[in-house]
N, C-alpha and C. Protein backbone atom coordinates (compact mmCIF):
# COMPACT_ATOMS: atom_id res chain seq x y z
N MET A 1 2.47 70.28 42.98
CA MET A 1 2.19 68.86 43.10
C MET A 1 1.15 68.43 42.08
N GLU A 2 0.19 69.28 41.90
CA GLU A 2 -0.88 68.98 40.94
C GLU A 2 -0.32 68.91 39.54
N ILE A 3 0.61 69.88 39.25
CA ILE A 3 1.22 69.91 37.91
C ILE A 3 2.04 68.64 37.70
N SER A 4 2.76 68.23 38.73
CA SER A 4 3.58 67.02 38.66
C SER A 4 2.74 65.80 38.38
N VAL A 5 1.61 65.70 39.05
CA VAL A 5 0.71 64.57 38.85
C VAL A 5 0.20 64.55 37.41
N LYS A 6 -0.14 65.74 36.93
CA LYS A 6 -0.63 65.84 35.55
C LYS A 6 0.41 65.38 34.56
N ARG A 7 1.65 65.80 34.84
CA ARG A 7 2.74 65.41 33.95
C ARG A 7 2.95 63.89 33.98
N MET A 8 2.85 63.31 35.17
CA MET A 8 3.00 61.86 35.29
C MET A 8 1.91 61.13 34.52
N VAL A 9 0.70 61.65 34.64
CA VAL A 9 -0.43 61.04 33.93
C VAL A 9 -0.22 61.15 32.43
N ALA A 10 0.23 62.32 32.00
CA ALA A 10 0.46 62.55 30.57
C ALA A 10 1.56 61.64 30.06
N THR A 11 2.64 61.55 30.86
CA THR A 11 3.76 60.69 30.47
C THR A 11 3.33 59.23 30.38
N SER A 12 2.54 58.81 31.34
CA SER A 12 2.03 57.43 31.34
C SER A 12 1.18 57.17 30.11
N ALA A 13 0.41 58.18 29.73
CA ALA A 13 -0.46 58.04 28.56
C ALA A 13 0.38 57.87 27.30
N VAL A 14 1.45 58.65 27.19
CA VAL A 14 2.33 58.57 26.02
C VAL A 14 2.98 57.20 25.95
N VAL A 15 3.46 56.71 27.12
CA VAL A 15 4.09 55.40 27.16
C VAL A 15 3.09 54.31 26.75
N ALA A 16 1.88 54.45 27.26
CA ALA A 16 0.84 53.46 26.94
C ALA A 16 0.56 53.45 25.44
N VAL A 17 0.49 54.63 24.82
CA VAL A 17 0.26 54.73 23.39
C VAL A 17 1.41 54.10 22.63
N ALA A 18 2.64 54.38 23.10
CA ALA A 18 3.84 53.83 22.45
C ALA A 18 3.84 52.31 22.50
N ILE A 19 3.54 51.79 23.69
CA ILE A 19 3.50 50.34 23.84
C ILE A 19 2.38 49.73 23.00
N GLY A 20 1.24 50.41 23.00
CA GLY A 20 0.12 49.94 22.19
C GLY A 20 0.48 49.93 20.72
N SER A 21 1.23 50.97 20.32
CA SER A 21 1.66 51.04 18.92
C SER A 21 2.59 49.90 18.60
N LEU A 22 3.52 49.63 19.49
CA LEU A 22 4.45 48.52 19.28
C LEU A 22 3.72 47.19 19.19
N MET A 23 2.77 47.02 20.08
CA MET A 23 2.00 45.78 20.08
C MET A 23 1.18 45.64 18.81
N GLY A 24 0.69 46.79 18.31
CA GLY A 24 -0.10 46.77 17.09
C GLY A 24 0.73 46.33 15.92
N CYS A 25 1.98 46.77 15.86
CA CYS A 25 2.88 46.41 14.77
C CYS A 25 3.23 44.93 14.85
N ALA A 26 3.13 44.36 16.06
CA ALA A 26 3.55 42.98 16.26
C ALA A 26 2.42 41.98 16.07
N ARG A 27 1.30 42.43 15.59
CA ARG A 27 0.17 41.53 15.39
C ARG A 27 0.30 40.77 14.07
N LEU A 28 0.00 39.51 14.13
CA LEU A 28 0.02 38.69 12.92
C LEU A 28 -1.01 39.21 11.93
N PRO A 29 -0.61 39.45 10.68
CA PRO A 29 -1.56 39.94 9.66
C PRO A 29 -2.52 38.84 9.22
N LYS A 30 -3.52 38.58 10.06
CA LYS A 30 -4.43 37.47 9.81
C LYS A 30 -5.20 37.61 8.49
N GLY A 31 -5.50 38.86 8.13
CA GLY A 31 -6.21 39.08 6.85
C GLY A 31 -5.36 38.61 5.68
N ALA A 32 -4.07 38.92 5.72
CA ALA A 32 -3.17 38.52 4.64
C ALA A 32 -3.01 36.99 4.62
N VAL A 33 -2.97 36.41 5.82
CA VAL A 33 -2.88 34.94 5.90
C VAL A 33 -4.08 34.30 5.25
N GLN A 34 -5.26 34.82 5.55
CA GLN A 34 -6.50 34.26 5.00
C GLN A 34 -6.56 34.44 3.50
N GLU A 35 -6.18 35.62 3.01
CA GLU A 35 -6.19 35.87 1.57
C GLU A 35 -5.25 34.93 0.83
N THR A 36 -4.11 34.67 1.43
CA THR A 36 -3.15 33.77 0.80
C THR A 36 -3.67 32.34 0.79
N LYS A 37 -4.31 31.93 1.87
CA LYS A 37 -4.88 30.58 1.93
C LYS A 37 -5.99 30.41 0.88
N VAL A 38 -6.79 31.45 0.72
CA VAL A 38 -7.86 31.40 -0.28
C VAL A 38 -7.26 31.27 -1.68
N ALA A 39 -6.21 32.03 -1.95
CA ALA A 39 -5.56 31.97 -3.26
C ALA A 39 -4.98 30.59 -3.51
N LEU A 40 -4.39 29.98 -2.50
CA LEU A 40 -3.84 28.64 -2.62
C LEU A 40 -4.94 27.60 -2.84
N ASP A 41 -6.06 27.77 -2.14
CA ASP A 41 -7.19 26.86 -2.31
C ASP A 41 -7.73 26.94 -3.74
N GLN A 42 -7.80 28.14 -4.28
CA GLN A 42 -8.30 28.32 -5.64
C GLN A 42 -7.36 27.67 -6.65
N ALA A 43 -6.06 27.81 -6.41
CA ALA A 43 -5.08 27.18 -7.30
C ALA A 43 -5.20 25.65 -7.21
N ASP A 44 -5.44 25.16 -6.01
CA ASP A 44 -5.59 23.73 -5.81
C ASP A 44 -6.83 23.21 -6.52
N GLN A 45 -7.92 23.95 -6.42
CA GLN A 45 -9.16 23.57 -7.09
C GLN A 45 -9.02 23.60 -8.60
N ALA A 46 -8.13 24.44 -9.08
CA ALA A 46 -7.87 24.54 -10.52
C ALA A 46 -6.93 23.43 -10.98
N GLN A 47 -6.54 22.55 -10.06
CA GLN A 47 -5.66 21.41 -10.34
C GLN A 47 -4.26 21.88 -10.78
N ALA A 48 -3.77 22.87 -10.08
CA ALA A 48 -2.45 23.41 -10.40
C ALA A 48 -1.36 22.35 -10.26
N GLU A 49 -1.50 21.47 -9.30
CA GLU A 49 -0.49 20.44 -9.10
C GLU A 49 -0.34 19.55 -10.32
N THR A 50 -1.45 19.37 -11.05
CA THR A 50 -1.45 18.51 -12.24
C THR A 50 -1.09 19.28 -13.50
N TYR A 51 -1.71 20.46 -13.68
CA TYR A 51 -1.58 21.18 -14.94
C TYR A 51 -0.58 22.34 -14.91
N ALA A 52 -0.07 22.68 -13.74
CA ALA A 52 0.96 23.72 -13.61
C ALA A 52 1.86 23.37 -12.45
N PRO A 53 2.50 22.21 -12.49
CA PRO A 53 3.28 21.72 -11.35
C PRO A 53 4.40 22.65 -10.89
N GLN A 54 5.08 23.28 -11.82
CA GLN A 54 6.17 24.17 -11.43
C GLN A 54 5.65 25.39 -10.69
N ALA A 55 4.59 26.01 -11.25
CA ALA A 55 4.00 27.20 -10.62
C ALA A 55 3.42 26.83 -9.25
N TRP A 56 2.83 25.65 -9.15
CA TRP A 56 2.26 25.19 -7.89
C TRP A 56 3.35 24.98 -6.84
N ALA A 57 4.47 24.39 -7.28
CA ALA A 57 5.60 24.16 -6.36
C ALA A 57 6.16 25.49 -5.86
N GLU A 58 6.21 26.49 -6.72
CA GLU A 58 6.71 27.80 -6.32
C GLU A 58 5.78 28.45 -5.30
N ALA A 59 4.48 28.29 -5.49
CA ALA A 59 3.50 28.85 -4.55
C ALA A 59 3.62 28.16 -3.20
N GLN A 60 3.78 26.85 -3.21
CA GLN A 60 3.94 26.09 -1.97
C GLN A 60 5.21 26.49 -1.24
N LYS A 61 6.28 26.68 -2.00
CA LYS A 61 7.56 27.08 -1.41
C LYS A 61 7.45 28.46 -0.77
N ALA A 62 6.75 29.36 -1.46
CA ALA A 62 6.58 30.73 -0.93
C ALA A 62 5.76 30.71 0.34
N MET A 63 4.73 29.86 0.39
CA MET A 63 3.89 29.77 1.58
C MET A 63 4.68 29.15 2.74
N ASP A 64 5.52 28.19 2.41
CA ASP A 64 6.35 27.58 3.45
C ASP A 64 7.29 28.63 4.06
N ALA A 65 7.81 29.52 3.23
CA ALA A 65 8.71 30.57 3.72
C ALA A 65 7.95 31.52 4.65
N ALA A 66 6.71 31.85 4.29
CA ALA A 66 5.89 32.73 5.11
C ALA A 66 5.58 32.07 6.45
N ASN A 67 5.22 30.81 6.42
CA ASN A 67 4.93 30.08 7.65
C ASN A 67 6.16 29.98 8.55
N ALA A 68 7.31 29.78 7.93
CA ALA A 68 8.55 29.69 8.72
C ALA A 68 8.85 31.01 9.42
N GLU A 69 8.56 32.13 8.72
CA GLU A 69 8.77 33.44 9.33
C GLU A 69 7.79 33.70 10.45
N ILE A 70 6.55 33.24 10.28
CA ILE A 70 5.55 33.38 11.34
C ILE A 70 6.00 32.62 12.58
N ASP A 71 6.46 31.39 12.39
CA ASP A 71 6.94 30.59 13.50
C ASP A 71 8.15 31.24 14.16
N ASN A 72 9.00 31.84 13.34
CA ASN A 72 10.20 32.50 13.86
C ASN A 72 9.83 33.67 14.76
N GLN A 73 8.86 34.45 14.36
CA GLN A 73 8.44 35.61 15.15
C GLN A 73 7.75 35.19 16.43
N ARG A 74 7.07 34.09 16.44
CA ARG A 74 6.38 33.63 17.63
C ARG A 74 7.35 33.21 18.73
N THR A 75 8.59 32.92 18.33
CA THR A 75 9.58 32.54 19.34
C THR A 75 10.19 33.76 20.04
N ASN A 76 9.92 34.96 19.48
CA ASN A 76 10.44 36.19 20.07
C ASN A 76 9.50 36.72 21.15
N PHE A 77 10.04 37.57 22.04
CA PHE A 77 9.19 38.28 22.99
C PHE A 77 8.24 39.17 22.21
N ALA A 78 7.06 39.40 22.78
CA ALA A 78 6.02 40.17 22.09
C ALA A 78 6.53 41.52 21.59
N LEU A 79 7.28 42.25 22.45
CA LEU A 79 7.75 43.59 22.06
C LEU A 79 8.83 43.54 20.98
N ASN A 80 9.43 42.38 20.78
CA ASN A 80 10.48 42.25 19.77
C ASN A 80 9.99 41.70 18.45
N ARG A 81 8.70 41.37 18.40
CA ARG A 81 8.16 40.77 17.17
C ARG A 81 7.91 41.83 16.11
N SER A 82 8.09 41.40 14.85
CA SER A 82 7.77 42.26 13.72
C SER A 82 7.28 41.35 12.59
N TYR A 83 6.09 41.68 12.12
CA TYR A 83 5.51 40.85 11.05
C TYR A 83 5.58 41.54 9.68
N LYS A 84 6.47 42.50 9.57
CA LYS A 84 6.63 43.20 8.29
C LYS A 84 7.10 42.23 7.21
N LYS A 85 8.15 41.46 7.55
CA LYS A 85 8.68 40.50 6.59
C LYS A 85 7.63 39.43 6.29
N THR A 86 6.88 39.04 7.32
CA THR A 86 5.81 38.06 7.15
C THR A 86 4.79 38.53 6.12
N ALA A 87 4.38 39.79 6.25
CA ALA A 87 3.41 40.36 5.31
C ALA A 87 3.96 40.34 3.89
N GLU A 88 5.23 40.65 3.77
CA GLU A 88 5.86 40.65 2.43
C GLU A 88 5.90 39.23 1.84
N LEU A 89 6.25 38.27 2.67
CA LEU A 89 6.30 36.88 2.20
C LEU A 89 4.92 36.34 1.87
N LEU A 90 3.92 36.73 2.65
CA LEU A 90 2.55 36.31 2.36
C LEU A 90 2.07 36.89 1.02
N GLU A 91 2.45 38.11 0.75
CA GLU A 91 2.07 38.74 -0.51
C GLU A 91 2.70 38.00 -1.69
N VAL A 92 3.96 37.61 -1.51
CA VAL A 92 4.64 36.84 -2.55
C VAL A 92 3.93 35.51 -2.77
N ALA A 93 3.58 34.85 -1.67
CA ALA A 93 2.89 33.55 -1.76
C ALA A 93 1.52 33.71 -2.42
N ARG A 94 0.82 34.79 -2.09
CA ARG A 94 -0.50 35.03 -2.70
C ARG A 94 -0.37 35.23 -4.20
N GLN A 95 0.62 36.01 -4.60
CA GLN A 95 0.84 36.26 -6.02
C GLN A 95 1.22 34.97 -6.76
N LYS A 96 2.08 34.18 -6.11
CA LYS A 96 2.49 32.90 -6.70
C LYS A 96 1.28 31.96 -6.85
N ALA A 97 0.41 31.97 -5.87
CA ALA A 97 -0.79 31.12 -5.92
C ALA A 97 -1.71 31.57 -7.05
N THR A 98 -1.86 32.88 -7.20
CA THR A 98 -2.70 33.41 -8.28
C THR A 98 -2.12 33.04 -9.64
N GLU A 99 -0.81 33.15 -9.75
CA GLU A 99 -0.13 32.77 -11.00
C GLU A 99 -0.31 31.28 -11.27
N ALA A 100 -0.24 30.47 -10.23
CA ALA A 100 -0.41 29.04 -10.39
C ALA A 100 -1.82 28.70 -10.86
N GLU A 101 -2.80 29.40 -10.33
CA GLU A 101 -4.19 29.18 -10.75
C GLU A 101 -4.35 29.50 -12.23
N LYS A 102 -3.84 30.65 -12.65
CA LYS A 102 -3.94 31.05 -14.06
C LYS A 102 -3.21 30.06 -14.97
N ALA A 103 -2.03 29.64 -14.52
CA ALA A 103 -1.25 28.68 -15.30
C ALA A 103 -1.97 27.34 -15.40
N ALA A 104 -2.66 26.96 -14.34
CA ALA A 104 -3.39 25.68 -14.34
C ALA A 104 -4.56 25.72 -15.32
N VAL A 105 -5.26 26.83 -15.34
CA VAL A 105 -6.40 26.97 -16.25
C VAL A 105 -5.91 26.87 -17.71
N ALA A 106 -4.83 27.58 -17.99
CA ALA A 106 -4.27 27.56 -19.34
C ALA A 106 -3.68 26.19 -19.67
N GLY A 107 -3.00 25.59 -18.70
CA GLY A 107 -2.41 24.28 -18.91
C GLY A 107 -3.45 23.19 -19.13
N LYS A 108 -4.54 23.27 -18.39
CA LYS A 108 -5.59 22.28 -18.55
C LYS A 108 -6.22 22.36 -19.93
N GLU A 109 -6.42 23.58 -20.41
CA GLU A 109 -6.99 23.75 -21.75
C GLU A 109 -6.05 23.22 -22.82
N GLN A 110 -4.77 23.45 -22.64
CA GLN A 110 -3.78 22.97 -23.59
C GLN A 110 -3.77 21.44 -23.62
N VAL A 111 -3.77 20.82 -22.44
CA VAL A 111 -3.78 19.36 -22.37
C VAL A 111 -5.08 18.80 -22.95
N HIS A 112 -6.17 19.52 -22.74
CA HIS A 112 -7.46 19.13 -23.32
C HIS A 112 -7.36 19.03 -24.83
N LYS A 113 -6.79 20.03 -25.44
CA LYS A 113 -6.62 20.04 -26.91
C LYS A 113 -5.70 18.93 -27.37
N GLN A 114 -4.62 18.71 -26.61
CA GLN A 114 -3.67 17.65 -26.96
C GLN A 114 -4.33 16.28 -26.86
N ALA A 115 -5.15 16.10 -25.83
CA ALA A 115 -5.83 14.82 -25.65
C ALA A 115 -6.81 14.56 -26.79
N GLU A 116 -7.54 15.57 -27.19
CA GLU A 116 -8.48 15.43 -28.30
C GLU A 116 -7.75 15.12 -29.59
N GLN A 117 -6.60 15.78 -29.80
CA GLN A 117 -5.81 15.54 -31.00
C GLN A 117 -5.29 14.10 -31.04
N LEU A 118 -4.88 13.60 -29.89
CA LEU A 118 -4.40 12.23 -29.81
C LEU A 118 -5.52 11.22 -30.14
N LEU A 119 -6.71 11.50 -29.66
CA LEU A 119 -7.83 10.62 -29.94
C LEU A 119 -8.17 10.64 -31.43
N THR A 120 -8.05 11.81 -32.04
CA THR A 120 -8.27 11.90 -33.48
C THR A 120 -7.23 11.10 -34.25
N GLU A 121 -5.98 11.20 -33.82
CA GLU A 121 -4.90 10.46 -34.46
C GLU A 121 -5.07 8.95 -34.26
N LEU A 122 -5.57 8.58 -33.09
CA LEU A 122 -5.84 7.16 -32.83
C LEU A 122 -6.92 6.65 -33.77
N SER A 123 -7.95 7.43 -33.97
CA SER A 123 -9.02 7.03 -34.88
C SER A 123 -8.49 6.80 -36.29
N SER A 124 -7.63 7.71 -36.74
CA SER A 124 -7.02 7.56 -38.07
C SER A 124 -6.13 6.31 -38.11
N GLY A 125 -5.45 6.06 -37.00
CA GLY A 125 -4.59 4.89 -36.93
C GLY A 125 -5.37 3.60 -37.02
N PHE A 126 -6.51 3.54 -36.37
CA PHE A 126 -7.35 2.34 -36.44
C PHE A 126 -7.91 2.15 -37.85
N ASP A 127 -8.26 3.25 -38.50
CA ASP A 127 -8.74 3.17 -39.88
C ASP A 127 -7.68 2.57 -40.79
N ARG A 128 -6.43 3.03 -40.59
CA ARG A 128 -5.34 2.51 -41.40
C ARG A 128 -5.08 1.05 -41.08
N ALA A 129 -5.17 0.67 -39.83
CA ALA A 129 -4.96 -0.73 -39.43
C ALA A 129 -6.00 -1.63 -40.09
N ASN A 130 -7.24 -1.20 -40.06
CA ASN A 130 -8.31 -2.01 -40.67
C ASN A 130 -8.11 -2.13 -42.18
N GLN A 131 -7.65 -1.06 -42.79
CA GLN A 131 -7.36 -1.08 -44.23
C GLN A 131 -6.26 -2.09 -44.53
N LEU A 132 -5.23 -2.10 -43.71
CA LEU A 132 -4.12 -3.04 -43.90
C LEU A 132 -4.54 -4.47 -43.69
N PHE A 133 -5.43 -4.71 -42.72
CA PHE A 133 -5.95 -6.06 -42.50
C PHE A 133 -6.64 -6.57 -43.76
N GLU A 134 -7.43 -5.70 -44.34
CA GLU A 134 -8.18 -6.08 -45.54
C GLU A 134 -7.22 -6.34 -46.70
N GLU A 135 -6.26 -5.48 -46.90
CA GLU A 135 -5.32 -5.64 -48.00
C GLU A 135 -4.46 -6.90 -47.84
N LEU A 136 -4.01 -7.16 -46.60
CA LEU A 136 -3.19 -8.34 -46.36
C LEU A 136 -3.99 -9.64 -46.49
N SER A 137 -5.28 -9.58 -46.11
CA SER A 137 -6.10 -10.78 -46.22
C SER A 137 -6.38 -11.14 -47.68
N LYS A 138 -6.26 -10.18 -48.59
CA LYS A 138 -6.50 -10.39 -50.01
C LYS A 138 -5.21 -10.58 -50.79
N CYS A 139 -4.09 -10.54 -50.08
CA CYS A 139 -2.80 -10.65 -50.75
C CYS A 139 -2.66 -12.04 -51.39
N ARG A 140 -2.19 -12.08 -52.64
CA ARG A 140 -2.05 -13.35 -53.35
C ARG A 140 -0.99 -14.23 -52.69
N ARG A 141 0.07 -13.63 -52.27
CA ARG A 141 1.11 -14.39 -51.59
C ARG A 141 0.70 -14.56 -50.14
N ARG A 142 0.54 -15.80 -49.75
CA ARG A 142 0.12 -16.08 -48.38
C ARG A 142 1.06 -17.12 -47.77
N PRO A 143 2.21 -16.66 -47.31
CA PRO A 143 3.16 -17.59 -46.70
C PRO A 143 2.59 -18.24 -45.44
N LYS A 144 3.18 -19.35 -45.07
CA LYS A 144 2.73 -20.09 -43.88
C LYS A 144 2.84 -19.21 -42.64
N GLY A 145 1.79 -19.20 -41.87
CA GLY A 145 1.79 -18.43 -40.62
C GLY A 145 1.21 -17.03 -40.75
N LEU A 146 0.96 -16.58 -42.00
CA LEU A 146 0.44 -15.23 -42.19
C LEU A 146 -0.94 -15.08 -41.56
N ALA A 147 -1.82 -16.04 -41.80
CA ALA A 147 -3.18 -15.96 -41.25
C ALA A 147 -3.15 -15.90 -39.72
N SER A 148 -2.27 -16.71 -39.14
CA SER A 148 -2.17 -16.72 -37.66
C SER A 148 -1.63 -15.38 -37.15
N ASP A 149 -0.63 -14.86 -37.86
CA ASP A 149 -0.06 -13.56 -37.46
C ASP A 149 -1.09 -12.45 -37.55
N LEU A 150 -1.92 -12.50 -38.61
CA LEU A 150 -2.96 -11.48 -38.78
C LEU A 150 -4.01 -11.57 -37.68
N ASP A 151 -4.38 -12.78 -37.33
CA ASP A 151 -5.37 -12.96 -36.24
C ASP A 151 -4.83 -12.43 -34.93
N GLN A 152 -3.57 -12.69 -34.70
CA GLN A 152 -2.94 -12.22 -33.46
C GLN A 152 -2.86 -10.69 -33.44
N MET A 153 -2.50 -10.14 -34.58
CA MET A 153 -2.39 -8.69 -34.68
C MET A 153 -3.76 -8.03 -34.55
N ARG A 154 -4.77 -8.66 -35.16
CA ARG A 154 -6.13 -8.10 -35.08
C ARG A 154 -6.62 -8.11 -33.62
N GLY A 155 -6.29 -9.15 -32.88
CA GLY A 155 -6.69 -9.20 -31.50
C GLY A 155 -6.02 -8.09 -30.69
N LYS A 156 -4.76 -7.81 -30.99
CA LYS A 156 -4.04 -6.74 -30.31
C LYS A 156 -4.66 -5.38 -30.62
N VAL A 157 -4.95 -5.15 -31.88
CA VAL A 157 -5.53 -3.87 -32.30
C VAL A 157 -6.93 -3.68 -31.69
N ASN A 158 -7.71 -4.75 -31.69
CA ASN A 158 -9.05 -4.67 -31.10
C ASN A 158 -8.98 -4.37 -29.60
N GLY A 159 -7.98 -4.93 -28.94
CA GLY A 159 -7.79 -4.65 -27.53
C GLY A 159 -7.46 -3.19 -27.28
N LEU A 160 -6.66 -2.61 -28.16
CA LEU A 160 -6.34 -1.18 -28.05
C LEU A 160 -7.59 -0.34 -28.29
N ALA A 161 -8.40 -0.76 -29.23
CA ALA A 161 -9.63 -0.02 -29.56
C ALA A 161 -10.59 0.00 -28.36
N ARG A 162 -10.66 -1.10 -27.63
CA ARG A 162 -11.55 -1.14 -26.47
C ARG A 162 -11.10 -0.15 -25.39
N GLN A 163 -9.81 0.03 -25.28
CA GLN A 163 -9.30 0.97 -24.29
C GLN A 163 -9.62 2.42 -24.66
N VAL A 164 -9.73 2.67 -25.94
CA VAL A 164 -10.07 4.03 -26.40
C VAL A 164 -11.47 4.42 -25.92
N THR A 165 -12.37 3.45 -25.83
CA THR A 165 -13.71 3.73 -25.33
C THR A 165 -13.66 4.28 -23.91
N ASP A 166 -12.77 3.72 -23.09
CA ASP A 166 -12.61 4.22 -21.72
C ASP A 166 -12.04 5.65 -21.73
N LEU A 167 -11.21 5.93 -22.71
CA LEU A 167 -10.62 7.27 -22.79
C LEU A 167 -11.68 8.31 -23.12
N GLN A 168 -12.65 7.95 -23.91
CA GLN A 168 -13.73 8.87 -24.23
C GLN A 168 -14.49 9.26 -22.97
N SER A 169 -14.72 8.29 -22.11
CA SER A 169 -15.42 8.57 -20.85
C SER A 169 -14.59 9.46 -19.95
N ALA A 170 -13.28 9.21 -19.92
CA ALA A 170 -12.38 10.03 -19.11
C ALA A 170 -12.32 11.46 -19.64
N LEU A 171 -12.38 11.60 -20.95
CA LEU A 171 -12.37 12.93 -21.56
C LEU A 171 -13.62 13.72 -21.15
N GLU A 172 -14.76 13.05 -21.15
CA GLU A 172 -16.01 13.71 -20.75
C GLU A 172 -15.97 14.09 -19.27
N ALA A 173 -15.19 13.35 -18.48
CA ALA A 173 -15.06 13.64 -17.05
C ALA A 173 -13.97 14.69 -16.80
N GLU A 174 -13.41 15.23 -17.88
CA GLU A 174 -12.36 16.26 -17.81
C GLU A 174 -11.07 15.77 -17.16
N SER A 175 -10.82 14.47 -17.28
CA SER A 175 -9.54 13.92 -16.79
C SER A 175 -8.55 13.98 -17.95
N TYR A 176 -8.25 15.19 -18.35
CA TYR A 176 -7.46 15.40 -19.56
C TYR A 176 -6.05 14.85 -19.48
N MET A 177 -5.38 15.02 -18.35
CA MET A 177 -4.03 14.51 -18.23
C MET A 177 -3.98 13.00 -18.33
N GLU A 178 -4.96 12.36 -17.71
CA GLU A 178 -5.05 10.90 -17.77
C GLU A 178 -5.25 10.44 -19.21
N VAL A 179 -6.14 11.14 -19.91
CA VAL A 179 -6.41 10.80 -21.31
C VAL A 179 -5.16 10.98 -22.16
N LYS A 180 -4.48 12.10 -21.96
CA LYS A 180 -3.27 12.37 -22.74
C LYS A 180 -2.21 11.30 -22.52
N THR A 181 -2.01 10.93 -21.26
CA THR A 181 -0.98 9.94 -20.93
C THR A 181 -1.30 8.57 -21.53
N LEU A 182 -2.53 8.11 -21.34
CA LEU A 182 -2.91 6.80 -21.84
C LEU A 182 -3.02 6.78 -23.37
N ALA A 183 -3.54 7.87 -23.93
CA ALA A 183 -3.67 7.95 -25.39
C ALA A 183 -2.30 7.93 -26.05
N THR A 184 -1.34 8.55 -25.43
CA THR A 184 0.03 8.54 -25.96
C THR A 184 0.59 7.12 -25.97
N GLN A 185 0.32 6.38 -24.90
CA GLN A 185 0.80 4.99 -24.84
C GLN A 185 0.10 4.12 -25.87
N LEU A 186 -1.22 4.29 -26.01
CA LEU A 186 -1.97 3.51 -26.99
C LEU A 186 -1.53 3.82 -28.41
N LYS A 187 -1.29 5.09 -28.68
CA LYS A 187 -0.86 5.49 -30.01
C LYS A 187 0.49 4.88 -30.37
N SER A 188 1.36 4.85 -29.37
CA SER A 188 2.69 4.25 -29.60
C SER A 188 2.56 2.77 -29.98
N GLN A 189 1.68 2.06 -29.28
CA GLN A 189 1.48 0.64 -29.57
C GLN A 189 0.78 0.45 -30.91
N LEU A 190 -0.19 1.29 -31.21
CA LEU A 190 -0.90 1.18 -32.48
C LEU A 190 0.01 1.51 -33.65
N ASP A 191 0.82 2.55 -33.49
CA ASP A 191 1.76 2.93 -34.54
C ASP A 191 2.73 1.79 -34.85
N ALA A 192 3.15 1.09 -33.78
CA ALA A 192 4.07 -0.03 -33.97
C ALA A 192 3.38 -1.16 -34.73
N ALA A 193 2.10 -1.42 -34.41
CA ALA A 193 1.35 -2.48 -35.10
C ALA A 193 1.15 -2.14 -36.56
N VAL A 194 0.79 -0.88 -36.83
CA VAL A 194 0.59 -0.44 -38.21
C VAL A 194 1.90 -0.52 -38.99
N ALA A 195 2.99 -0.10 -38.38
CA ALA A 195 4.30 -0.15 -39.05
C ALA A 195 4.69 -1.58 -39.37
N ASP A 196 4.35 -2.50 -38.48
CA ASP A 196 4.66 -3.92 -38.69
C ASP A 196 3.87 -4.46 -39.89
N MET A 197 2.60 -4.06 -39.95
CA MET A 197 1.77 -4.53 -41.08
C MET A 197 2.20 -3.88 -42.38
N GLU A 198 2.61 -2.62 -42.33
CA GLU A 198 3.12 -1.94 -43.52
C GLU A 198 4.35 -2.67 -44.05
N LYS A 199 5.22 -3.06 -43.13
CA LYS A 199 6.44 -3.76 -43.50
C LYS A 199 6.12 -5.12 -44.14
N THR A 200 5.16 -5.84 -43.54
CA THR A 200 4.75 -7.13 -44.08
C THR A 200 4.14 -6.99 -45.46
N LYS A 201 3.32 -5.96 -45.61
CA LYS A 201 2.66 -5.70 -46.90
C LYS A 201 3.70 -5.40 -47.99
N ALA A 202 4.71 -4.65 -47.64
CA ALA A 202 5.76 -4.31 -48.60
C ALA A 202 6.55 -5.54 -49.01
N LYS A 203 6.82 -6.44 -48.05
CA LYS A 203 7.57 -7.65 -48.34
C LYS A 203 6.79 -8.59 -49.26
N LEU A 204 5.47 -8.64 -49.04
CA LEU A 204 4.63 -9.51 -49.84
C LEU A 204 4.28 -8.90 -51.19
N GLY A 205 4.50 -7.59 -51.31
CA GLY A 205 4.23 -6.92 -52.58
C GLY A 205 2.76 -6.87 -52.92
N CYS A 206 1.91 -6.68 -51.93
CA CYS A 206 0.48 -6.63 -52.20
C CYS A 206 -0.10 -5.31 -51.70
């Protein structure tokens, strides 16, 4: 009887260990969840959505897949849960987030250089515009309406120049994408104004 009791106790112990083991395997990998969230936060702080939108979208998609799997496992009975796939998906999401952060840092630097280049080109464009104003104002042939057209064009160019001042402030604030976008628009308008004056100058032969 004593031996039987011992065997029952031993058997119960084995079962308890087995159940405990199963329950251990079914625990949500909270450490992996936290690490992935940290990686995503770092990518977000690096402005991945702005400077690495594709990489950021992939990281978000990977995290959504991990969250969906977590929700899926929670609907199962405790003994039937397995977070192995969850851990794998979280690792993918963490890697994607890290890649997005790196891509954002590189992308931001690239846009920074592009923005500075655009501002340099704008400066050259304004110099050329001012030169054309001077040459056209001294042109011997002065058809009717030329002076009025020049005044109108000068007002347009001066308006563009005032906007460039705001871009310098945005550049100092590291709003590089904003600077690039607006500088591209301003350059397009300035180029059109310069081309118009070049055409007028050629027609007048001055």
